[in-house]
Amino acid sequence: MQIAVLTLEGYNELDSFIAAAILNRMRGKGWAAYITSPAEEVTSMNGVTVRRQRPLDFIAEADAVLIGSGIRTRDHAAEADLLACVRLDPARQLIGAQCSGTLLLARLGLIGDLPACTDLTTKPWVIEAGVNVIDAPFVAHGNVATAGGCLSSHYLAAWTIARLGSLADAEEAIHYVAPVGEKAAYVTRALEVVRPFAGTAAMRAA
């Protein structure tokens, strides 16, 4: 599985790096998650500059695309040229967004009036875009998922692994990154959140 983690200028490190790190726990099964950006280098909201691993057009061929947030997402959501290059296909791909990334999905027409999650700062802008924002950390409708709050990254990652692999795979990945002494609690909570949206194939596999 090839996964694009869309990371734009002003990105939130927690969104991009946590999701990518958890997804890459599946590398032994042929998975790879890549920091994907329109620019060769991107700088985070806290001044962390990284080089992209894949260009923006990688999004079109990826099996899954996760969109993180950042302090400039509202500006990015108004960039018609950028949005035109973010070619997503919910019939073929899993698509997830976190916090202000939900605003990008709204601008791309992938949410409509379906219930969605975002962070408290972005909530008014997402509502303004016509989205029904709910008070929840994660929700998915078919192949499109949204999450709210920086530390909801592991829900998006777990959902992606559960959908494209199995709940057992998701459990193993979350167990690895969870704090020592709290692993059972973290795994239980993560699976409780994503299980209703994992799909019957993944549920049978677990």
N, C-alpha and C. Protein backbone atom coordinates (compact mmCIF):
# COMPACT_ATOMS: atom_id res chain seq x y z
N MET A 1 0.84 -1.19 0.00
CA MET A 1 0.00 0.00 0.00
C MET A 1 0.88 1.25 0.00
N GLN A 2 0.53 2.19 -0.86
CA GLN A 2 1.26 3.45 -0.95
C GLN A 2 0.35 4.57 -0.41
N ILE A 3 0.87 5.33 0.55
CA ILE A 3 0.05 6.32 1.23
C ILE A 3 0.71 7.69 1.16
N ALA A 4 -0.04 8.68 0.75
CA ALA A 4 0.43 10.06 0.70
C ALA A 4 -0.05 10.79 1.95
N VAL A 5 0.88 11.42 2.65
CA VAL A 5 0.54 12.26 3.79
C VAL A 5 0.75 13.70 3.34
N LEU A 6 -0.33 14.34 2.91
CA LEU A 6 -0.22 15.69 2.35
C LEU A 6 0.22 16.67 3.43
N THR A 7 1.34 17.33 3.16
CA THR A 7 1.99 18.20 4.14
C THR A 7 2.30 19.53 3.47
N LEU A 8 1.58 20.56 3.86
CA LEU A 8 1.70 21.86 3.22
C LEU A 8 2.45 22.85 4.11
N GLU A 9 2.85 23.96 3.51
CA GLU A 9 3.57 24.99 4.26
C GLU A 9 2.76 25.41 5.50
N GLY A 10 3.46 25.49 6.64
CA GLY A 10 2.80 25.81 7.90
C GLY A 10 2.18 24.60 8.57
N TYR A 11 2.59 23.40 8.15
CA TYR A 11 1.97 22.17 8.63
C TYR A 11 2.15 21.95 10.13
N ASN A 12 1.26 21.14 10.68
CA ASN A 12 1.34 20.72 12.08
C ASN A 12 2.14 19.41 12.13
N GLU A 13 3.26 19.43 12.85
CA GLU A 13 4.13 18.25 12.90
C GLU A 13 3.41 17.01 13.42
N LEU A 14 2.55 17.19 14.41
CA LEU A 14 1.86 16.03 14.99
C LEU A 14 1.00 15.32 13.96
N ASP A 15 0.34 16.07 13.12
CA ASP A 15 -0.54 15.47 12.11
C ASP A 15 0.24 14.62 11.12
N SER A 16 1.27 15.20 10.54
CA SER A 16 2.00 14.51 9.48
C SER A 16 2.88 13.38 10.00
N PHE A 17 3.65 13.67 11.04
CA PHE A 17 4.67 12.71 11.46
C PHE A 17 4.10 11.52 12.24
N ILE A 18 3.11 11.77 13.11
CA ILE A 18 2.53 10.65 13.86
C ILE A 18 1.83 9.67 12.92
N ALA A 19 1.02 10.20 12.02
CA ALA A 19 0.31 9.32 11.08
C ALA A 19 1.29 8.55 10.22
N ALA A 20 2.31 9.23 9.68
CA ALA A 20 3.27 8.56 8.82
C ALA A 20 4.04 7.49 9.57
N ALA A 21 4.45 7.79 10.80
CA ALA A 21 5.23 6.84 11.59
C ALA A 21 4.42 5.58 11.90
N ILE A 22 3.16 5.75 12.28
CA ILE A 22 2.33 4.59 12.60
C ILE A 22 2.06 3.76 11.35
N LEU A 23 1.76 4.42 10.25
CA LEU A 23 1.49 3.69 9.01
C LEU A 23 2.72 2.92 8.54
N ASN A 24 3.89 3.48 8.77
CA ASN A 24 5.10 2.80 8.35
C ASN A 24 5.47 1.62 9.25
N ARG A 25 4.71 1.39 10.31
CA ARG A 25 4.85 0.15 11.07
C ARG A 25 4.45 -1.04 10.19
N MET A 26 3.74 -0.77 9.10
CA MET A 26 3.29 -1.82 8.18
C MET A 26 4.29 -2.04 7.04
N ARG A 27 5.47 -1.46 7.15
CA ARG A 27 6.44 -1.56 6.07
C ARG A 27 6.79 -3.02 5.75
N GLY A 28 6.81 -3.86 6.77
CA GLY A 28 7.12 -5.28 6.55
C GLY A 28 6.11 -5.99 5.67
N LYS A 29 4.93 -5.39 5.51
CA LYS A 29 3.90 -5.97 4.64
C LYS A 29 3.79 -5.21 3.32
N GLY A 30 4.82 -4.42 3.04
CA GLY A 30 4.87 -3.74 1.76
C GLY A 30 4.25 -2.36 1.73
N TRP A 31 3.89 -1.82 2.88
CA TRP A 31 3.29 -0.50 2.94
C TRP A 31 4.38 0.57 3.01
N ALA A 32 4.03 1.77 2.59
CA ALA A 32 4.93 2.91 2.76
C ALA A 32 4.10 4.19 2.77
N ALA A 33 4.34 5.02 3.77
CA ALA A 33 3.69 6.33 3.86
C ALA A 33 4.74 7.40 3.60
N TYR A 34 4.41 8.37 2.76
CA TYR A 34 5.37 9.37 2.34
C TYR A 34 4.86 10.79 2.63
N ILE A 35 5.75 11.63 3.12
CA ILE A 35 5.44 13.05 3.24
C ILE A 35 5.36 13.61 1.83
N THR A 36 4.21 14.12 1.47
CA THR A 36 3.92 14.54 0.10
C THR A 36 3.60 16.03 0.08
N SER A 37 4.23 16.76 -0.83
CA SER A 37 4.08 18.21 -0.82
C SER A 37 4.27 18.78 -2.22
N PRO A 38 3.68 19.94 -2.51
CA PRO A 38 3.92 20.58 -3.80
C PRO A 38 5.30 21.23 -3.89
N ALA A 39 5.94 21.47 -2.73
CA ALA A 39 7.26 22.10 -2.70
C ALA A 39 8.32 21.10 -2.28
N GLU A 40 9.56 21.32 -2.73
CA GLU A 40 10.67 20.45 -2.34
C GLU A 40 10.86 20.44 -0.84
N GLU A 41 10.68 21.60 -0.21
CA GLU A 41 10.80 21.71 1.23
C GLU A 41 9.58 22.42 1.80
N VAL A 42 9.16 22.00 2.99
CA VAL A 42 8.05 22.66 3.67
C VAL A 42 8.46 22.91 5.12
N THR A 43 7.99 24.04 5.64
CA THR A 43 8.33 24.42 7.01
C THR A 43 7.07 24.41 7.86
N SER A 44 7.17 23.82 9.02
CA SER A 44 6.01 23.65 9.91
C SER A 44 5.64 24.95 10.62
N MET A 45 4.55 24.88 11.35
CA MET A 45 4.09 26.02 12.14
C MET A 45 5.08 26.38 13.25
N ASN A 46 5.97 25.46 13.57
CA ASN A 46 6.98 25.70 14.59
C ASN A 46 8.39 25.80 14.02
N GLY A 47 8.50 25.96 12.72
CA GLY A 47 9.79 26.20 12.11
C GLY A 47 10.59 24.97 11.74
N VAL A 48 9.96 23.79 11.70
CA VAL A 48 10.67 22.56 11.33
C VAL A 48 10.57 22.37 9.81
N THR A 49 11.71 22.44 9.14
CA THR A 49 11.74 22.30 7.69
C THR A 49 12.14 20.88 7.30
N VAL A 50 11.37 20.28 6.42
CA VAL A 50 11.66 18.93 5.94
C VAL A 50 11.60 18.90 4.42
N ARG A 51 12.29 17.93 3.84
CA ARG A 51 12.20 17.70 2.41
C ARG A 51 11.08 16.70 2.13
N ARG A 52 10.32 16.98 1.12
CA ARG A 52 9.25 16.05 0.76
C ARG A 52 9.84 14.73 0.29
N GLN A 53 9.05 13.67 0.43
CA GLN A 53 9.43 12.36 -0.08
C GLN A 53 8.77 12.05 -1.42
N ARG A 54 7.64 12.69 -1.66
CA ARG A 54 6.93 12.51 -2.92
C ARG A 54 6.34 13.86 -3.35
N PRO A 55 6.27 14.11 -4.68
CA PRO A 55 5.65 15.33 -5.18
C PRO A 55 4.12 15.24 -5.11
N LEU A 56 3.47 16.35 -5.36
CA LEU A 56 2.02 16.42 -5.21
C LEU A 56 1.29 15.45 -6.13
N ASP A 57 1.82 15.20 -7.32
CA ASP A 57 1.09 14.32 -8.23
C ASP A 57 1.07 12.87 -7.77
N PHE A 58 1.86 12.53 -6.74
CA PHE A 58 1.80 11.18 -6.16
C PHE A 58 0.43 10.88 -5.57
N ILE A 59 -0.28 11.94 -5.16
CA ILE A 59 -1.60 11.77 -4.56
C ILE A 59 -2.53 10.97 -5.46
N ALA A 60 -2.46 11.22 -6.75
CA ALA A 60 -3.39 10.58 -7.69
C ALA A 60 -3.19 9.07 -7.76
N GLU A 61 -1.99 8.58 -7.48
CA GLU A 61 -1.72 7.14 -7.60
C GLU A 61 -1.72 6.42 -6.26
N ALA A 62 -1.77 7.15 -5.15
CA ALA A 62 -1.71 6.54 -3.82
C ALA A 62 -2.98 5.75 -3.52
N ASP A 63 -2.82 4.72 -2.69
CA ASP A 63 -3.97 3.94 -2.24
C ASP A 63 -4.76 4.67 -1.17
N ALA A 64 -4.08 5.52 -0.42
CA ALA A 64 -4.73 6.32 0.62
C ALA A 64 -4.04 7.67 0.69
N VAL A 65 -4.81 8.69 1.07
CA VAL A 65 -4.29 10.04 1.21
C VAL A 65 -4.77 10.61 2.54
N LEU A 66 -3.84 11.04 3.37
CA LEU A 66 -4.18 11.70 4.62
C LEU A 66 -3.75 13.16 4.54
N ILE A 67 -4.65 14.04 4.95
CA ILE A 67 -4.39 15.48 4.87
C ILE A 67 -4.31 16.04 6.28
N GLY A 68 -3.14 16.54 6.63
CA GLY A 68 -2.96 17.13 7.95
C GLY A 68 -3.38 18.59 7.97
N SER A 69 -3.18 19.21 9.12
CA SER A 69 -3.58 20.61 9.28
C SER A 69 -2.35 21.50 9.35
N GLY A 70 -2.57 22.77 9.64
CA GLY A 70 -1.49 23.73 9.78
C GLY A 70 -2.03 25.13 9.91
N ILE A 71 -1.14 26.06 10.19
CA ILE A 71 -1.60 27.43 10.44
C ILE A 71 -1.95 28.17 9.15
N ARG A 72 -1.63 27.61 7.99
CA ARG A 72 -1.94 28.28 6.73
C ARG A 72 -2.99 27.55 5.91
N THR A 73 -3.67 26.59 6.52
CA THR A 73 -4.63 25.78 5.76
C THR A 73 -5.75 26.62 5.18
N ARG A 74 -6.19 27.63 5.92
CA ARG A 74 -7.27 28.48 5.40
C ARG A 74 -6.83 29.17 4.11
N ASP A 75 -5.57 29.59 4.07
CA ASP A 75 -5.04 30.19 2.84
C ASP A 75 -4.95 29.15 1.73
N HIS A 76 -4.46 27.96 2.06
CA HIS A 76 -4.34 26.90 1.06
C HIS A 76 -5.71 26.54 0.48
N ALA A 77 -6.74 26.56 1.33
CA ALA A 77 -8.08 26.19 0.88
C ALA A 77 -8.65 27.20 -0.11
N ALA A 78 -8.02 28.38 -0.18
CA ALA A 78 -8.47 29.41 -1.12
C ALA A 78 -7.64 29.43 -2.39
N GLU A 79 -6.65 28.53 -2.48
CA GLU A 79 -5.77 28.49 -3.65
C GLU A 79 -6.34 27.54 -4.70
N ALA A 80 -6.99 28.11 -5.70
CA ALA A 80 -7.64 27.28 -6.72
C ALA A 80 -6.64 26.40 -7.45
N ASP A 81 -5.45 26.91 -7.74
CA ASP A 81 -4.45 26.13 -8.46
C ASP A 81 -4.01 24.91 -7.65
N LEU A 82 -3.85 25.11 -6.33
CA LEU A 82 -3.46 24.00 -5.47
C LEU A 82 -4.56 22.94 -5.42
N LEU A 83 -5.79 23.38 -5.20
CA LEU A 83 -6.90 22.43 -5.10
C LEU A 83 -7.08 21.64 -6.39
N ALA A 84 -6.81 22.27 -7.50
CA ALA A 84 -6.96 21.59 -8.79
C ALA A 84 -5.94 20.46 -8.94
N CYS A 85 -4.83 20.57 -8.22
CA CYS A 85 -3.78 19.55 -8.30
C CYS A 85 -3.98 18.42 -7.30
N VAL A 86 -4.89 18.61 -6.34
CA VAL A 86 -5.15 17.57 -5.35
C VAL A 86 -6.26 16.68 -5.90
N ARG A 87 -5.85 15.70 -6.69
CA ARG A 87 -6.80 14.84 -7.39
C ARG A 87 -7.08 13.60 -6.56
N LEU A 88 -8.26 13.57 -5.97
CA LEU A 88 -8.65 12.48 -5.08
C LEU A 88 -9.81 11.70 -5.68
N ASP A 89 -9.84 10.41 -5.43
CA ASP A 89 -10.90 9.55 -5.95
C ASP A 89 -11.43 8.66 -4.83
N PRO A 90 -12.49 9.09 -4.15
CA PRO A 90 -13.02 8.30 -3.02
C PRO A 90 -13.58 6.94 -3.43
N ALA A 91 -13.78 6.72 -4.70
CA ALA A 91 -14.24 5.41 -5.15
C ALA A 91 -13.09 4.40 -5.15
N ARG A 92 -11.87 4.89 -5.22
CA ARG A 92 -10.70 4.02 -5.31
C ARG A 92 -9.76 4.17 -4.11
N GLN A 93 -9.75 5.35 -3.50
CA GLN A 93 -8.79 5.65 -2.44
C GLN A 93 -9.47 5.80 -1.08
N LEU A 94 -8.72 5.52 -0.03
CA LEU A 94 -9.12 5.99 1.30
C LEU A 94 -8.62 7.41 1.45
N ILE A 95 -9.46 8.28 1.99
CA ILE A 95 -9.11 9.69 2.13
C ILE A 95 -9.43 10.12 3.55
N GLY A 96 -8.44 10.68 4.23
CA GLY A 96 -8.65 11.13 5.60
C GLY A 96 -8.11 12.53 5.78
N ALA A 97 -8.75 13.29 6.65
CA ALA A 97 -8.28 14.64 6.95
C ALA A 97 -8.38 14.90 8.44
N GLN A 98 -7.47 15.72 8.92
CA GLN A 98 -7.41 16.01 10.35
C GLN A 98 -7.45 17.51 10.58
N CYS A 99 -8.25 17.91 11.55
CA CYS A 99 -8.34 19.32 11.97
C CYS A 99 -8.63 20.21 10.77
N SER A 100 -7.76 21.19 10.48
CA SER A 100 -8.07 22.10 9.37
C SER A 100 -7.97 21.42 8.02
N GLY A 101 -7.39 20.22 7.96
CA GLY A 101 -7.42 19.46 6.71
C GLY A 101 -8.84 19.18 6.27
N THR A 102 -9.77 19.13 7.23
CA THR A 102 -11.19 18.93 6.90
C THR A 102 -11.70 20.06 6.03
N LEU A 103 -11.17 21.27 6.23
CA LEU A 103 -11.58 22.40 5.40
C LEU A 103 -11.17 22.17 3.94
N LEU A 104 -10.00 21.59 3.73
CA LEU A 104 -9.58 21.28 2.37
C LEU A 104 -10.52 20.26 1.72
N LEU A 105 -10.91 19.24 2.48
CA LEU A 105 -11.85 18.26 1.94
C LEU A 105 -13.18 18.91 1.59
N ALA A 106 -13.61 19.84 2.43
CA ALA A 106 -14.87 20.55 2.16
C ALA A 106 -14.76 21.34 0.86
N ARG A 107 -13.64 22.04 0.68
CA ARG A 107 -13.44 22.84 -0.54
C ARG A 107 -13.35 21.95 -1.78
N LEU A 108 -12.90 20.72 -1.57
CA LEU A 108 -12.79 19.78 -2.69
C LEU A 108 -14.11 19.06 -2.97
N GLY A 109 -15.13 19.34 -2.16
CA GLY A 109 -16.45 18.77 -2.38
C GLY A 109 -16.58 17.32 -1.94
N LEU A 110 -15.75 16.88 -1.00
CA LEU A 110 -15.77 15.49 -0.59
C LEU A 110 -16.50 15.22 0.72
N ILE A 111 -17.09 16.25 1.29
CA ILE A 111 -17.83 16.07 2.54
C ILE A 111 -19.30 16.42 2.39
N GLY A 112 -19.58 17.52 1.73
CA GLY A 112 -20.97 17.95 1.59
C GLY A 112 -21.56 18.26 2.95
N ASP A 113 -22.78 17.78 3.19
CA ASP A 113 -23.43 18.06 4.48
C ASP A 113 -23.31 16.89 5.45
N LEU A 114 -22.41 15.93 5.14
CA LEU A 114 -22.21 14.81 6.04
C LEU A 114 -21.54 15.27 7.34
N PRO A 115 -21.82 14.61 8.45
CA PRO A 115 -21.15 14.96 9.71
C PRO A 115 -19.63 14.77 9.57
N ALA A 116 -18.88 15.72 10.12
CA ALA A 116 -17.42 15.66 10.02
C ALA A 116 -16.80 16.20 11.30
N CYS A 117 -15.52 15.87 11.48
CA CYS A 117 -14.78 16.31 12.67
C CYS A 117 -13.70 17.31 12.27
N THR A 118 -13.39 18.20 13.19
CA THR A 118 -12.29 19.14 13.00
C THR A 118 -11.88 19.66 14.37
N ASP A 119 -10.89 20.55 14.40
CA ASP A 119 -10.48 21.12 15.68
C ASP A 119 -11.32 22.34 16.01
N LEU A 120 -11.23 22.81 17.25
CA LEU A 120 -12.09 23.91 17.70
C LEU A 120 -11.78 25.22 16.99
N THR A 121 -10.50 25.46 16.65
CA THR A 121 -10.14 26.69 15.96
C THR A 121 -10.72 26.74 14.56
N THR A 122 -10.66 25.61 13.87
CA THR A 122 -11.12 25.54 12.48
C THR A 122 -12.63 25.40 12.36
N LYS A 123 -13.28 24.97 13.42
CA LYS A 123 -14.70 24.65 13.37
C LYS A 123 -15.56 25.73 12.70
N PRO A 124 -15.41 27.02 13.05
CA PRO A 124 -16.26 28.03 12.41
C PRO A 124 -16.07 28.09 10.90
N TRP A 125 -14.83 27.92 10.43
CA TRP A 125 -14.56 27.97 8.99
C TRP A 125 -15.16 26.78 8.28
N VAL A 126 -15.10 25.61 8.90
CA VAL A 126 -15.65 24.41 8.29
C VAL A 126 -17.18 24.50 8.24
N ILE A 127 -17.78 25.03 9.30
CA ILE A 127 -19.23 25.24 9.31
C ILE A 127 -19.62 26.22 8.21
N GLU A 128 -18.81 27.28 8.07
CA GLU A 128 -19.06 28.27 7.03
C GLU A 128 -19.02 27.65 5.64
N ALA A 129 -18.21 26.59 5.49
CA ALA A 129 -18.10 25.89 4.21
C ALA A 129 -19.27 24.94 3.98
N GLY A 130 -20.22 24.90 4.92
CA GLY A 130 -21.43 24.09 4.75
C GLY A 130 -21.37 22.71 5.36
N VAL A 131 -20.36 22.46 6.20
CA VAL A 131 -20.18 21.13 6.78
C VAL A 131 -20.86 21.04 8.14
N ASN A 132 -21.46 19.91 8.42
CA ASN A 132 -22.08 19.64 9.71
C ASN A 132 -21.01 19.10 10.66
N VAL A 133 -20.43 19.95 11.49
CA VAL A 133 -19.36 19.56 12.39
C VAL A 133 -19.93 18.94 13.66
N ILE A 134 -19.39 17.79 14.03
CA ILE A 134 -19.86 17.09 15.23
C ILE A 134 -18.77 17.09 16.30
N ASP A 135 -19.18 16.94 17.54
CA ASP A 135 -18.25 16.93 18.68
C ASP A 135 -17.76 15.51 18.90
N ALA A 136 -16.80 15.10 18.08
CA ALA A 136 -16.27 13.74 18.13
C ALA A 136 -14.83 13.76 17.63
N PRO A 137 -14.01 12.77 18.03
CA PRO A 137 -12.63 12.75 17.57
C PRO A 137 -12.44 12.18 16.18
N PHE A 138 -13.42 11.37 15.73
CA PHE A 138 -13.25 10.68 14.45
C PHE A 138 -14.60 10.24 13.91
N VAL A 139 -14.75 10.34 12.60
CA VAL A 139 -15.92 9.78 11.94
C VAL A 139 -15.55 9.47 10.50
N ALA A 140 -16.16 8.45 9.95
CA ALA A 140 -15.91 8.10 8.54
C ALA A 140 -17.22 7.79 7.85
N HIS A 141 -17.27 8.14 6.58
CA HIS A 141 -18.41 7.82 5.73
C HIS A 141 -17.84 7.13 4.50
N GLY A 142 -17.98 5.81 4.45
CA GLY A 142 -17.38 5.08 3.35
C GLY A 142 -15.87 5.22 3.36
N ASN A 143 -15.31 5.73 2.28
CA ASN A 143 -13.87 5.85 2.16
C ASN A 143 -13.32 7.20 2.58
N VAL A 144 -14.15 8.05 3.17
CA VAL A 144 -13.71 9.39 3.58
C VAL A 144 -13.86 9.54 5.09
N ALA A 145 -12.77 9.92 5.74
CA ALA A 145 -12.78 10.06 7.20
C ALA A 145 -12.24 11.43 7.61
N THR A 146 -12.72 11.91 8.76
CA THR A 146 -12.20 13.15 9.33
C THR A 146 -11.93 12.95 10.81
N ALA A 147 -10.97 13.69 11.33
CA ALA A 147 -10.60 13.59 12.74
C ALA A 147 -10.37 14.99 13.29
N GLY A 148 -10.60 15.15 14.59
CA GLY A 148 -10.44 16.45 15.21
C GLY A 148 -9.51 16.41 16.40
N GLY A 149 -8.54 17.30 16.44
CA GLY A 149 -7.58 17.37 17.52
C GLY A 149 -6.24 16.79 17.10
N CYS A 150 -5.15 17.44 17.51
CA CYS A 150 -3.81 17.02 17.06
C CYS A 150 -3.53 15.56 17.36
N LEU A 151 -3.93 15.10 18.53
CA LEU A 151 -3.62 13.73 18.93
C LEU A 151 -4.62 12.71 18.41
N SER A 152 -5.45 13.13 17.46
CA SER A 152 -6.34 12.16 16.80
C SER A 152 -5.64 11.51 15.60
N SER A 153 -4.38 11.85 15.39
CA SER A 153 -3.62 11.27 14.28
C SER A 153 -3.66 9.75 14.29
N HIS A 154 -3.56 9.18 15.49
CA HIS A 154 -3.51 7.72 15.56
C HIS A 154 -4.84 7.08 15.18
N TYR A 155 -5.95 7.83 15.31
CA TYR A 155 -7.22 7.29 14.85
C TYR A 155 -7.25 7.19 13.32
N LEU A 156 -6.77 8.22 12.64
CA LEU A 156 -6.71 8.17 11.18
C LEU A 156 -5.80 7.03 10.71
N ALA A 157 -4.65 6.90 11.37
CA ALA A 157 -3.73 5.84 11.00
C ALA A 157 -4.34 4.47 11.26
N ALA A 158 -4.96 4.30 12.43
CA ALA A 158 -5.57 3.00 12.77
C ALA A 158 -6.69 2.65 11.80
N TRP A 159 -7.50 3.63 11.44
CA TRP A 159 -8.60 3.40 10.48
C TRP A 159 -8.05 2.99 9.13
N THR A 160 -7.01 3.67 8.69
CA THR A 160 -6.41 3.33 7.39
C THR A 160 -5.87 1.91 7.40
N ILE A 161 -5.18 1.53 8.47
CA ILE A 161 -4.63 0.19 8.57
C ILE A 161 -5.75 -0.85 8.65
N ALA A 162 -6.78 -0.53 9.44
CA ALA A 162 -7.91 -1.47 9.57
C ALA A 162 -8.62 -1.68 8.24
N ARG A 163 -8.79 -0.61 7.48
CA ARG A 163 -9.51 -0.71 6.21
C ARG A 163 -8.69 -1.42 5.14
N LEU A 164 -7.40 -1.08 5.04
CA LEU A 164 -6.57 -1.64 3.98
C LEU A 164 -5.86 -2.92 4.41
N GLY A 165 -5.82 -3.16 5.71
CA GLY A 165 -5.26 -4.39 6.25
C GLY A 165 -6.31 -5.09 7.08
N SER A 166 -6.15 -5.02 8.40
CA SER A 166 -7.13 -5.62 9.29
C SER A 166 -7.10 -4.91 10.63
N LEU A 167 -8.11 -5.15 11.44
CA LEU A 167 -8.11 -4.60 12.80
C LEU A 167 -6.96 -5.19 13.62
N ALA A 168 -6.59 -6.43 13.33
CA ALA A 168 -5.44 -7.01 14.02
C ALA A 168 -4.16 -6.24 13.70
N ASP A 169 -4.00 -5.84 12.45
CA ASP A 169 -2.85 -5.02 12.07
C ASP A 169 -2.88 -3.68 12.79
N ALA A 170 -4.06 -3.07 12.84
CA ALA A 170 -4.19 -1.78 13.52
C ALA A 170 -3.86 -1.91 15.00
N GLU A 171 -4.34 -2.98 15.61
CA GLU A 171 -4.05 -3.22 17.02
C GLU A 171 -2.55 -3.33 17.27
N GLU A 172 -1.87 -4.05 16.40
CA GLU A 172 -0.43 -4.24 16.56
C GLU A 172 0.32 -2.92 16.42
N ALA A 173 -0.07 -2.10 15.45
CA ALA A 173 0.61 -0.83 15.22
C ALA A 173 0.40 0.13 16.39
N ILE A 174 -0.83 0.23 16.88
CA ILE A 174 -1.11 1.13 17.99
C ILE A 174 -0.45 0.63 19.27
N HIS A 175 -0.43 -0.67 19.46
CA HIS A 175 0.22 -1.25 20.64
C HIS A 175 1.70 -0.86 20.68
N TYR A 176 2.35 -0.84 19.53
CA TYR A 176 3.77 -0.53 19.47
C TYR A 176 4.05 0.91 19.93
N VAL A 177 3.21 1.85 19.50
CA VAL A 177 3.49 3.27 19.80
C VAL A 177 2.89 3.73 21.13
N ALA A 178 1.99 2.96 21.70
CA ALA A 178 1.32 3.37 22.94
C ALA A 178 2.30 3.40 24.12
N PRO A 179 2.04 4.25 25.11
CA PRO A 179 2.92 4.34 26.28
C PRO A 179 2.97 3.03 27.06
N VAL A 180 4.15 2.73 27.55
CA VAL A 180 4.33 1.54 28.38
C VAL A 180 3.48 1.68 29.64
N GLY A 181 2.82 0.60 30.02
CA GLY A 181 1.95 0.62 31.18
C GLY A 181 0.54 1.05 30.85
N GLU A 182 0.33 1.56 29.63
CA GLU A 182 -1.00 2.01 29.21
C GLU A 182 -1.38 1.43 27.86
N LYS A 183 -0.62 0.46 27.39
CA LYS A 183 -0.83 -0.05 26.05
C LYS A 183 -2.23 -0.64 25.86
N ALA A 184 -2.69 -1.43 26.80
CA ALA A 184 -4.01 -2.05 26.66
C ALA A 184 -5.10 -1.00 26.57
N ALA A 185 -4.98 0.04 27.40
CA ALA A 185 -5.99 1.10 27.39
C ALA A 185 -5.97 1.87 26.08
N TYR A 186 -4.78 2.16 25.57
CA TYR A 186 -4.68 2.90 24.32
C TYR A 186 -5.24 2.09 23.16
N VAL A 187 -4.88 0.82 23.10
CA VAL A 187 -5.35 -0.04 22.02
C VAL A 187 -6.87 -0.18 22.07
N THR A 188 -7.39 -0.42 23.26
CA THR A 188 -8.84 -0.58 23.41
C THR A 188 -9.57 0.66 22.95
N ARG A 189 -9.09 1.82 23.38
CA ARG A 189 -9.75 3.07 23.01
C ARG A 189 -9.69 3.31 21.51
N ALA A 190 -8.51 3.10 20.91
CA ALA A 190 -8.37 3.34 19.48
C ALA A 190 -9.29 2.44 18.67
N LEU A 191 -9.36 1.17 19.03
CA LEU A 191 -10.21 0.25 18.29
C LEU A 191 -11.69 0.53 18.51
N GLU A 192 -12.05 0.99 19.71
CA GLU A 192 -13.44 1.37 19.95
C GLU A 192 -13.86 2.51 19.03
N VAL A 193 -12.93 3.43 18.78
CA VAL A 193 -13.25 4.59 17.94
C VAL A 193 -13.35 4.21 16.47
N VAL A 194 -12.42 3.39 15.97
CA VAL A 194 -12.40 3.12 14.53
C VAL A 194 -13.19 1.88 14.12
N ARG A 195 -13.44 0.97 15.05
CA ARG A 195 -14.10 -0.28 14.69
C ARG A 195 -15.43 -0.09 13.94
N PRO A 196 -16.30 0.86 14.36
CA PRO A 196 -17.57 1.01 13.63
C PRO A 196 -17.40 1.42 12.18
N PHE A 197 -16.21 1.91 11.83
CA PHE A 197 -15.97 2.40 10.47
C PHE A 197 -14.95 1.54 9.72
N ALA A 198 -14.60 0.38 10.29
CA ALA A 198 -13.53 -0.42 9.72
C ALA A 198 -13.96 -1.24 8.52
N GLY A 199 -15.25 -1.53 8.40
CA GLY A 199 -15.72 -2.33 7.28
C GLY A 199 -15.75 -3.81 7.65
N THR A 200 -16.61 -4.56 7.01
CA THR A 200 -16.83 -5.95 7.40
C THR A 200 -15.63 -6.83 7.11
N ALA A 201 -14.88 -6.54 6.05
CA ALA A 201 -13.72 -7.39 5.73
C ALA A 201 -12.69 -7.30 6.83
N ALA A 202 -12.39 -6.05 7.27
CA ALA A 202 -11.40 -5.87 8.33
C ALA A 202 -11.90 -6.45 9.63
N MET A 203 -13.19 -6.33 9.90
CA MET A 203 -13.72 -6.85 11.15
C MET A 203 -13.62 -8.37 11.18
N ARG A 204 -13.84 -9.02 10.05
CA ARG A 204 -13.69 -10.48 10.00
C ARG A 204 -12.24 -10.90 10.21
N ALA A 205 -11.31 -10.07 9.66
CA ALA A 205 -9.90 -10.42 9.77
C ALA A 205 -9.41 -10.36 11.19
N ALA A 206 -10.00 -9.52 12.02
CA ALA A 206 -9.59 -9.39 13.41
C ALA A 206 -10.23 -10.47 14.25
